[in-house]
Amino acid sequence: MRKFLECCAGIDIGKREITVTILTGSTAVEPVQQTQTFGTTVQELNRCLQWLLAQQCSTVVMESTGTYWVPVWNVLHDSVAVIVANPEHVKARRGEKTDPEDSRRLAERLRVGDVRGSFVPSAQIVELRDLTRRRKRLLSAANSERNRIQKLLEQANVKIGNVVSDVFGVSGQRILHALLQHPQLPPADLAELAKGRLRHKRQALIETLQGHRLNDHLRWMIQHSLDHLVFLEKQLTELSQRTLQKLQPLEREYELLQTIPGIAAETAAVILAETGGNMAQFPSPKHLTSWAGVCPGNNRSAGKQKSTSIKRANKWLLAALVQSAWATVRQRGSIFKKRFYRQMQHRGKKRALIAAARSLLTVVWQVLQHMTPYDEPANEVFQERERGKKIQHHLRRLRQLGVDISALELPPPTPSERTRFLPGTLHPLGALGIHAR
């Protein structure tokens, strides 16, 4: 049941000032409204806190507006209960938006318990999250520099990218550094720098380097980008070391996540940074997948099912899950791979991949909730589950066609089904009104 509050406050967040409205009164009377405006400096926020405590207001609500809510949270959350609401859940109607009106509306919804609080991680998780997100940005910057170097090589008629699969591999870097440091080196000598299987393509390398237009300006630009890459790699190394230090209190969870197929060390760190590692704030796997935005939305009205695309949620966690999903659906014998190709036939590759990411996050919830390593189900169990699904599907289709399925002779349950469904529990066919004989 929703809890009624006789004294509560709503805060409209801004960059330079905040507007606070306090509502006081019982359910039998119209609440008394008090509204004040404060600055966002520490002194002003402390003055706001003293006013709240003087009015005996112990619960406040505010929107998560960018990062402007964080300074308010830092000052208030130690003394009063602060609820951070999703702006999509409490936004005003068009034409009714002012700062005092927004704060009053937030207070009114909090008064009747019509506000859901967002997940606010601890300070330790916030620091870990900053590191993992910083790593993602540095990797993106490094990829941009590599693409910039490729573009400069194309401008200089250096087409080694047509022969070398990775220009920044061992052979590619040897040739690239020779081009920058020894401008007069002939193409045949440059091709001799190739290593491994690339030595069989030396003639093709000579053709791509013959008559190139690499001048001093392009050499300087390429060297400038290479120096930036070296700097980024150094920062990534320092960032990885600091991330491992922050993960020490979560070492057990960090190791357990890496037992799941497709989840590497970097992905495990992202999952812990975004979810917090403690599944207490997510009562079930469905709550976690909904919060992460990897499940279809609900959009059904008047008996019609409309578009149910996934919602915009945690983009950092979504990117890590999709990357891990690609890895796990390519593993031979993986249950995720079998499910992915089965769903891809009638749902398409993109939707099947999101479904694989959702299944992966469900496994993450189970592993962290029970603190046990991942155990791959046996192939026989998977086949029996698929068999039960097919039986349910065909029985449902027969009922839709008007066939009396109560007279049908159903196959007996397999030994594993007898162990999975104890006496008195519903058989998989029981959802259709049919019980196995």
Protein backbone atom coordinates (compact mmCIF):
# COMPACT_ATOMS: atom_id res chain seq x y z
CA MET A 1 0.00 0.00 0.00
CA ARG A 2 1.12 3.55 -0.67
CA LYS A 3 2.28 5.49 2.36
CA PHE A 4 0.71 8.90 2.97
CA LEU A 5 3.11 11.60 4.16
CA GLU A 6 1.86 14.51 6.26
CA CYS A 7 5.04 16.53 5.60
CA CYS A 8 7.10 16.23 2.45
CA ALA A 9 8.94 18.41 -0.04
CA GLY A 10 9.50 18.60 -3.78
CA ILE A 11 12.63 20.16 -5.28
CA ASP A 12 12.87 21.52 -8.80
CA ILE A 13 16.52 21.29 -9.85
CA GLY A 14 18.37 23.95 -11.82
CA LYS A 15 21.98 24.83 -12.50
CA ARG A 16 22.03 28.11 -10.54
CA GLU A 17 19.04 27.74 -8.20
CA ILE A 18 16.57 25.23 -6.82
CA THR A 19 12.92 25.74 -5.90
CA VAL A 20 11.63 23.86 -2.84
CA THR A 21 7.97 23.38 -1.92
CA ILE A 22 6.91 21.86 1.41
CA LEU A 23 3.37 20.49 1.89
CA THR A 24 2.15 19.99 5.46
CA GLY A 25 -1.19 18.63 6.65
CA SER A 26 -3.24 15.50 7.24
CA THR A 27 -5.51 13.76 4.73
CA ALA A 28 -8.58 15.50 6.11
CA VAL A 29 -7.44 19.04 5.32
CA GLU A 30 -5.90 20.92 2.42
CA PRO A 31 -2.10 20.92 2.88
CA VAL A 32 -0.26 24.10 3.78
CA GLN A 33 2.17 25.07 1.05
CA GLN A 34 5.50 26.84 1.59
CA THR A 35 7.83 27.63 -1.33
CA GLN A 36 11.34 29.05 -1.25
CA THR A 37 14.20 29.41 -3.72
CA PHE A 38 17.83 28.68 -2.88
CA GLY A 39 21.13 28.82 -4.73
CA THR A 40 23.23 25.79 -5.56
CA THR A 41 26.38 26.63 -3.60
CA VAL A 42 27.20 24.58 -0.53
CA GLN A 43 26.22 27.47 1.79
CA GLU A 44 22.83 27.83 0.08
CA LEU A 45 22.19 24.10 0.10
CA ASN A 46 23.00 23.95 3.81
CA ARG A 47 20.51 26.79 4.37
CA CYS A 48 17.92 24.73 2.45
CA LEU A 49 18.67 21.73 4.66
CA GLN A 50 18.23 23.75 7.83
CA TRP A 51 14.88 25.04 6.58
CA LEU A 52 13.71 21.48 5.83
CA LEU A 53 14.76 20.28 9.27
CA ALA A 54 13.10 23.27 10.94
CA GLN A 55 9.82 22.36 9.22
CA GLN A 56 10.29 18.71 10.36
CA CYS A 57 10.35 17.54 6.75
CA SER A 58 12.21 14.23 6.54
CA THR A 59 11.42 13.13 2.95
CA VAL A 60 12.06 15.06 -0.28
CA VAL A 61 11.83 14.19 -3.97
CA MET A 62 13.66 15.66 -6.95
CA GLU A 63 14.16 14.86 -10.61
CA SER A 64 17.41 13.42 -11.93
CA THR A 65 18.14 16.44 -14.13
CA GLY A 66 21.51 15.82 -15.79
CA THR A 67 24.20 16.01 -13.10
CA TYR A 68 22.68 19.04 -11.37
CA TRP A 69 20.92 16.84 -8.83
CA VAL A 70 24.20 15.39 -7.52
CA PRO A 71 25.30 18.49 -5.48
CA VAL A 72 21.86 18.60 -3.84
CA TRP A 73 22.06 14.88 -3.08
CA ASN A 74 25.53 15.26 -1.54
CA VAL A 75 24.29 17.80 1.00
CA LEU A 76 20.82 16.43 1.82
CA HIS A 77 20.96 12.64 1.78
CA ASP A 78 22.79 12.27 5.12
CA SER A 79 20.06 14.14 7.03
CA VAL A 80 16.80 13.51 5.13
CA ALA A 81 15.44 10.76 2.88
CA VAL A 82 15.98 11.85 -0.73
CA ILE A 83 14.06 10.20 -3.58
CA VAL A 84 15.50 10.72 -7.06
CA ALA A 85 12.67 10.35 -9.59
CA ASN A 86 12.88 9.61 -13.29
CA PRO A 87 11.83 12.76 -15.21
CA GLU A 88 9.82 10.60 -17.62
CA HIS A 89 7.61 9.46 -14.73
CA VAL A 90 6.91 12.91 -13.23
CA LYS A 91 7.13 15.33 -16.14
CA ALA A 92 4.57 18.13 -16.42
CA ARG A 93 2.01 18.61 -19.11
CA ARG A 94 2.77 21.10 -21.85
CA GLY A 95 1.90 24.66 -20.87
CA GLU A 96 1.96 23.98 -17.12
CA LYS A 97 5.68 24.04 -16.47
CA THR A 98 7.20 26.57 -14.08
CA ASP A 99 9.74 26.02 -11.32
CA PRO A 100 7.30 26.56 -8.39
CA GLU A 101 4.66 24.47 -10.17
CA ASP A 102 7.13 21.62 -10.79
CA SER A 103 8.24 21.55 -7.16
CA ARG A 104 4.62 21.60 -5.95
CA ARG A 105 3.64 18.80 -8.32
CA LEU A 106 6.56 16.66 -7.13
CA ALA A 107 5.56 17.25 -3.50
CA GLU A 108 1.92 16.34 -4.20
CA ARG A 109 2.89 13.06 -5.84
CA LEU A 110 5.27 12.22 -3.02
CA ARG A 111 2.54 13.06 -0.49
CA VAL A 112 0.32 10.24 -1.80
CA GLY A 113 3.20 7.83 -2.52
CA ASP A 114 2.98 8.12 -6.31
CA VAL A 115 6.74 8.43 -6.93
CA ARG A 116 9.16 5.63 -7.69
CA GLY A 117 12.75 6.20 -6.64
CA SER A 118 15.60 5.54 -9.05
CA PHE A 119 18.61 3.40 -8.25
CA VAL A 120 21.35 5.59 -6.79
CA PRO A 121 24.64 3.67 -6.43
CA SER A 122 27.03 4.05 -3.53
CA ALA A 123 30.10 6.28 -3.71
CA GLN A 124 32.34 3.25 -4.32
CA ILE A 125 30.23 2.12 -7.29
CA VAL A 126 30.10 5.69 -8.65
CA GLU A 127 33.91 5.81 -8.70
CA LEU A 128 34.10 2.42 -10.39
CA ARG A 129 31.48 3.56 -12.91
CA ASP A 130 33.52 6.67 -13.72
CA LEU A 131 36.54 4.49 -14.50
CA THR A 132 34.70 2.02 -16.76
CA ARG A 133 32.95 4.78 -18.66
CA ARG A 134 36.23 6.67 -19.00
CA ARG A 135 37.79 3.54 -20.50
CA LYS A 136 35.00 3.33 -23.06
CA ARG A 137 35.61 6.94 -24.12
CA LEU A 138 39.37 6.39 -24.38
CA LEU A 139 38.85 3.34 -26.57
CA SER A 140 36.56 5.39 -28.80
CA ALA A 141 39.22 8.12 -29.04
CA ALA A 142 41.87 5.53 -29.96
CA ASN A 143 39.64 4.12 -32.70
CA SER A 144 39.13 7.63 -34.05
CA GLU A 145 42.89 8.17 -34.24
CA ARG A 146 43.37 4.88 -36.09
CA ASN A 147 40.69 5.84 -38.58
CA ARG A 148 42.35 9.24 -38.99
CA ILE A 149 45.67 7.56 -39.82
CA GLN A 150 43.95 5.30 -42.34
CA LYS A 151 42.43 8.36 -43.98
CA LEU A 152 45.83 10.10 -44.22
CA LEU A 153 47.39 7.00 -45.77
CA GLU A 154 44.62 6.92 -48.37
CA GLN A 155 45.32 10.57 -49.21
CA ALA A 156 48.99 9.66 -49.78
CA ASN A 157 48.16 6.74 -52.13
CA VAL A 158 49.47 4.24 -49.56
CA LYS A 159 47.06 1.31 -50.03
CA ILE A 160 48.54 -1.21 -47.62
CA GLY A 161 45.09 -1.54 -46.06
CA ASN A 162 44.08 -3.50 -49.17
CA VAL A 163 46.66 -6.20 -48.33
CA VAL A 164 47.21 -5.98 -44.57
CA SER A 165 44.11 -6.91 -42.59
CA ASP A 166 45.31 -4.91 -39.56
CA VAL A 167 47.42 -1.88 -40.39
CA PHE A 168 48.24 -1.52 -36.68
CA GLY A 169 49.45 -5.10 -36.28
CA VAL A 170 53.12 -6.10 -36.06
CA SER A 171 53.81 -6.00 -39.80
CA GLY A 172 51.67 -2.91 -40.40
CA GLN A 173 53.43 -0.92 -37.68
CA ARG A 174 56.88 -1.91 -38.95
CA ILE A 175 56.02 -0.71 -42.45
CA LEU A 176 54.33 2.45 -41.16
CA HIS A 177 57.28 3.48 -38.98
CA ALA A 178 59.69 2.82 -41.87
CA LEU A 179 57.59 5.07 -44.13
CA LEU A 180 57.79 7.86 -41.56
CA GLN A 181 61.46 7.56 -40.59
CA HIS A 182 63.02 6.57 -43.92
CA PRO A 183 61.25 8.47 -46.74
CA GLN A 184 63.69 7.24 -49.42
CA LEU A 185 63.36 3.53 -48.63
CA PRO A 186 62.27 1.61 -51.78
CA PRO A 187 58.98 -0.36 -51.73
CA ALA A 188 60.86 -3.70 -52.03
CA ASP A 189 62.71 -3.03 -48.77
CA LEU A 190 59.49 -1.95 -47.09
CA ALA A 191 57.80 -5.18 -48.16
CA GLU A 192 60.64 -7.19 -46.58
CA LEU A 193 59.52 -5.90 -43.18
CA ALA A 194 56.41 -8.11 -43.34
CA LYS A 195 56.21 -10.92 -40.79
CA GLY A 196 54.48 -14.31 -40.75
CA ARG A 197 51.97 -15.20 -43.44
CA LEU A 198 52.08 -11.67 -44.80
CA ARG A 199 55.49 -12.45 -46.34
CA HIS A 200 53.67 -14.43 -49.03
CA LYS A 201 52.04 -11.14 -50.10
CA ARG A 202 55.24 -9.16 -50.53
CA GLN A 203 54.61 -8.56 -54.23
CA ALA A 204 51.16 -7.16 -53.47
CA LEU A 205 52.70 -4.92 -50.81
CA ILE A 206 55.22 -3.58 -53.32
CA GLU A 207 52.39 -2.67 -55.69
CA THR A 208 50.47 -0.81 -52.96
CA LEU A 209 53.58 1.18 -51.96
CA GLN A 210 54.82 1.96 -55.44
CA GLY A 211 54.62 5.67 -56.29
CA HIS A 212 53.04 6.82 -53.03
CA ARG A 213 52.55 10.55 -52.33
CA LEU A 214 53.58 10.66 -48.67
CA ASN A 215 55.05 14.16 -48.14
CA ASP A 216 56.42 15.89 -45.04
CA HIS A 217 53.06 17.37 -44.07
CA LEU A 218 51.28 13.99 -44.12
CA ARG A 219 54.18 12.37 -42.26
CA TRP A 220 53.90 14.99 -39.53
CA MET A 221 50.13 14.47 -39.26
CA ILE A 222 50.49 10.69 -39.04
CA GLN A 223 53.26 10.94 -36.44
CA HIS A 224 51.11 13.34 -34.41
CA SER A 225 48.27 10.80 -34.37
CA LEU A 226 50.67 7.98 -33.46
CA ASP A 227 51.97 9.99 -30.52
CA HIS A 228 48.40 10.51 -29.37
CA LEU A 229 47.79 6.74 -29.64
CA VAL A 230 50.81 6.06 -27.44
CA PHE A 231 49.48 8.54 -24.88
CA LEU A 232 46.02 6.91 -24.95
CA GLU A 233 47.51 3.45 -24.48
CA LYS A 234 49.42 4.69 -21.45
CA GLN A 235 46.24 6.16 -19.98
CA LEU A 236 44.35 2.92 -20.65
CA THR A 237 47.01 0.96 -18.79
CA GLU A 238 46.82 3.30 -15.78
CA LEU A 239 43.03 3.17 -15.91
CA SER A 240 43.00 -0.64 -15.90
CA GLN A 241 45.24 -0.76 -12.85
CA ARG A 242 43.06 1.68 -10.93
CA THR A 243 39.91 -0.22 -11.95
CA LEU A 244 41.36 -3.43 -10.50
CA GLN A 245 42.00 -1.60 -7.23
CA LYS A 246 38.39 -0.41 -7.08
CA LEU A 247 37.19 -3.97 -7.81
CA GLN A 248 38.94 -5.51 -4.80
CA PRO A 249 35.84 -5.31 -2.54
CA LEU A 250 33.88 -7.01 -5.35
CA GLU A 251 36.52 -9.59 -6.20
CA ARG A 252 34.18 -12.56 -5.62
CA GLU A 253 31.46 -11.11 -7.86
CA TYR A 254 34.10 -10.17 -10.45
CA GLU A 255 35.33 -13.76 -10.67
CA LEU A 256 31.83 -15.27 -10.76
CA LEU A 257 30.74 -13.11 -13.68
CA GLN A 258 33.68 -14.32 -15.74
CA THR A 259 32.38 -17.90 -15.50
CA ILE A 260 29.47 -16.89 -17.77
CA PRO A 261 30.13 -17.52 -21.49
CA GLY A 262 30.95 -14.37 -23.44
CA ILE A 263 31.68 -12.18 -20.40
CA ALA A 264 35.33 -11.13 -20.25
CA ALA A 265 37.10 -9.20 -17.51
CA GLU A 266 36.30 -5.77 -18.98
CA THR A 267 32.62 -6.62 -19.42
CA ALA A 268 32.39 -7.99 -15.88
CA ALA A 269 33.77 -4.68 -14.57
CA VAL A 270 31.16 -2.74 -16.57
CA ILE A 271 28.32 -4.92 -15.25
CA LEU A 272 29.42 -4.45 -11.65
CA ALA A 273 29.87 -0.71 -12.16
CA GLU A 274 26.43 -0.20 -13.68
CA THR A 275 24.37 -2.58 -11.51
CA GLY A 276 26.32 -2.24 -8.27
CA GLY A 277 26.87 -5.99 -7.92
CA ASN A 278 24.15 -6.29 -5.25
CA MET A 279 20.91 -7.65 -6.66
CA ALA A 280 18.87 -6.55 -3.62
CA GLN A 281 17.61 -3.48 -5.53
CA PHE A 282 16.30 -5.75 -8.31
CA PRO A 283 13.69 -8.16 -6.87
CA SER A 284 13.71 -10.41 -9.95
CA PRO A 285 15.54 -10.84 -13.28
CA LYS A 286 12.64 -9.09 -15.00
CA HIS A 287 13.23 -5.94 -12.95
CA LEU A 288 16.91 -5.97 -13.92
CA THR A 289 16.29 -6.53 -17.64
CA SER A 290 13.63 -3.81 -17.66
CA TRP A 291 15.96 -1.37 -15.90
CA ALA A 292 18.74 -2.18 -18.37
CA GLY A 293 16.43 -1.72 -21.37
CA VAL A 294 16.91 -5.17 -22.96
CA CYS A 295 13.30 -6.30 -22.88
CA PRO A 296 10.38 -5.26 -25.11
CA GLY A 297 8.12 -2.52 -23.87
CA ASN A 298 4.36 -2.75 -23.27
CA ASN A 299 2.26 -0.89 -25.81
CA ARG A 300 -1.13 -2.55 -26.03
CA SER A 301 -4.39 -0.62 -26.25
CA ALA A 302 -7.93 -1.49 -27.30
CA GLY A 303 -6.90 -5.06 -27.98
CA LYS A 304 -4.20 -4.00 -30.45
CA GLN A 305 -0.49 -4.66 -29.96
CA LYS A 306 1.60 -1.75 -31.19
CA SER A 307 5.35 -1.31 -31.50
CA THR A 308 7.23 -2.78 -28.52
CA SER A 309 10.79 -1.75 -29.23
CA ILE A 310 13.23 -1.62 -26.34
CA LYS A 311 13.38 1.62 -24.37
CA ARG A 312 16.31 3.96 -23.95
CA ALA A 313 17.92 3.03 -20.68
CA ASN A 314 21.51 2.38 -19.58
CA LYS A 315 23.49 2.68 -22.83
CA TRP A 316 26.77 1.67 -21.17
CA LEU A 317 25.36 -1.61 -19.88
CA LEU A 318 23.48 -2.25 -23.13
CA ALA A 319 26.67 -1.88 -25.20
CA ALA A 320 28.55 -4.30 -22.95
CA LEU A 321 25.72 -6.85 -23.04
CA VAL A 322 25.41 -6.73 -26.83
CA GLN A 323 29.15 -7.20 -27.19
CA SER A 324 29.05 -10.20 -24.85
CA ALA A 325 25.98 -11.56 -26.63
CA TRP A 326 27.88 -11.57 -29.95
CA ALA A 327 30.68 -13.49 -28.25
CA THR A 328 28.47 -16.09 -26.62
CA VAL A 329 26.32 -16.83 -29.71
CA ARG A 330 29.52 -17.68 -31.59
CA GLN A 331 30.71 -20.26 -29.07
CA ARG A 332 30.34 -23.82 -30.27
CA GLY A 333 27.81 -25.83 -28.28
CA SER A 334 26.56 -22.83 -26.28
CA ILE A 335 22.91 -22.81 -25.28
CA PHE A 336 22.81 -19.12 -26.19
CA LYS A 337 23.93 -19.95 -29.72
CA LYS A 338 21.16 -22.51 -30.21
CA ARG A 339 18.53 -20.15 -28.89
CA PHE A 340 19.89 -17.27 -31.00
CA TYR A 341 19.68 -19.13 -34.32
CA ARG A 342 16.26 -20.53 -33.46
CA GLN A 343 14.87 -17.04 -32.76
CA MET A 344 16.69 -15.44 -35.68
CA GLN A 345 14.62 -17.50 -38.14
CA HIS A 346 11.37 -15.73 -37.29
CA ARG A 347 12.46 -12.57 -35.42
CA GLY A 348 15.51 -11.38 -37.33
CA LYS A 349 19.14 -11.02 -36.28
CA LYS A 350 18.80 -7.78 -34.29
CA ARG A 351 15.87 -8.88 -32.17
CA ALA A 352 17.44 -12.28 -31.60
CA LEU A 353 20.63 -10.58 -30.44
CA ILE A 354 18.72 -8.41 -27.95
CA ALA A 355 16.98 -11.57 -26.73
CA ALA A 356 20.40 -13.17 -26.23
CA ALA A 357 21.55 -10.10 -24.28
CA ARG A 358 18.43 -10.36 -22.12
CA SER A 359 19.09 -14.05 -21.43
CA LEU A 360 22.69 -13.21 -20.57
CA LEU A 361 21.59 -10.53 -18.09
CA THR A 362 19.13 -12.99 -16.54
CA VAL A 363 22.03 -15.38 -15.96
CA VAL A 364 24.00 -12.49 -14.45
CA TRP A 365 21.18 -11.90 -11.95
CA GLN A 366 21.08 -15.59 -11.01
CA VAL A 367 24.86 -15.77 -10.54
CA LEU A 368 25.06 -12.63 -8.40
CA GLN A 369 21.90 -13.39 -6.45
CA HIS A 370 22.99 -16.89 -5.41
CA MET A 371 26.77 -16.21 -5.55
CA THR A 372 27.41 -19.44 -7.45
CA PRO A 373 29.37 -19.91 -10.71
CA TYR A 374 27.54 -20.44 -13.97
CA ASP A 375 26.72 -24.06 -14.83
CA GLU A 376 25.95 -24.76 -18.48
CA PRO A 377 22.74 -26.84 -18.82
CA ALA A 378 23.15 -30.26 -20.40
CA ASN A 379 22.21 -30.60 -24.07
CA GLU A 380 19.56 -33.19 -23.21
CA VAL A 381 17.82 -30.77 -20.84
CA PHE A 382 17.75 -28.10 -23.54
CA GLN A 383 16.30 -30.52 -26.09
CA GLU A 384 13.59 -31.65 -23.66
CA ARG A 385 12.62 -28.06 -22.94
CA GLU A 386 12.37 -27.34 -26.64
CA ARG A 387 10.26 -30.47 -27.07
CA GLY A 388 7.87 -29.29 -24.36
CA LYS A 389 7.59 -25.86 -26.02
CA LYS A 390 6.77 -27.42 -29.37
CA ILE A 391 4.07 -29.61 -27.78
CA GLN A 392 2.49 -26.56 -26.15
CA HIS A 393 2.63 -24.61 -29.41
CA HIS A 394 0.94 -27.33 -31.48
CA LEU A 395 -1.71 -27.99 -28.82
CA ARG A 396 -2.49 -24.28 -28.73
CA ARG A 397 -2.83 -24.23 -32.52
CA LEU A 398 -5.13 -27.25 -32.41
CA ARG A 399 -7.39 -25.52 -29.88
CA GLN A 400 -7.51 -22.42 -32.08
CA LEU A 401 -8.63 -24.65 -34.97
CA GLY A 402 -11.48 -26.08 -32.85
CA VAL A 403 -9.97 -29.53 -32.22
CA ASP A 404 -10.98 -31.26 -28.99
CA ILE A 405 -7.58 -31.97 -27.53
CA SER A 406 -8.96 -33.54 -24.33
CA ALA A 407 -9.39 -36.81 -26.22
CA LEU A 408 -5.86 -36.84 -27.56
CA GLU A 409 -3.38 -39.44 -26.35
CA LEU A 410 -0.46 -37.41 -25.02
CA PRO A 411 3.06 -38.83 -24.69
CA PRO A 412 4.19 -39.57 -21.13
CA PRO A 413 6.62 -37.17 -19.49
CA THR A 414 10.31 -37.91 -19.77
CA PRO A 415 12.33 -38.88 -16.66
CA SER A 416 13.80 -35.38 -16.39
CA GLU A 417 10.30 -33.86 -16.55
CA ARG A 418 9.22 -36.14 -13.69
CA THR A 419 12.06 -34.83 -11.56
CA ARG A 420 11.52 -31.20 -12.54
CA PHE A 421 7.75 -31.25 -11.91
CA LEU A 422 6.98 -32.62 -8.47
CA PRO A 423 3.58 -34.11 -7.54
CA GLY A 424 0.97 -31.45 -7.16
CA THR A 425 2.73 -28.95 -9.43
CA LEU A 426 1.54 -27.91 -12.85
CA HIS A 427 2.92 -29.82 -15.83
CA PRO A 428 4.02 -27.74 -18.86
CA LEU A 429 0.80 -28.83 -20.57
CA GLY A 430 -1.26 -27.85 -17.53
CA ALA A 431 -1.31 -24.24 -18.64
CA LEU A 432 -3.50 -25.46 -21.53
CA GLY A 433 -5.80 -27.47 -19.29
CA ILE A 434 -4.11 -30.77 -20.21
CA HIS A 435 -2.25 -33.00 -17.77
CA ALA A 436 0.16 -35.70 -18.90
CA ARG A 437 -0.92 -39.27 -18.26
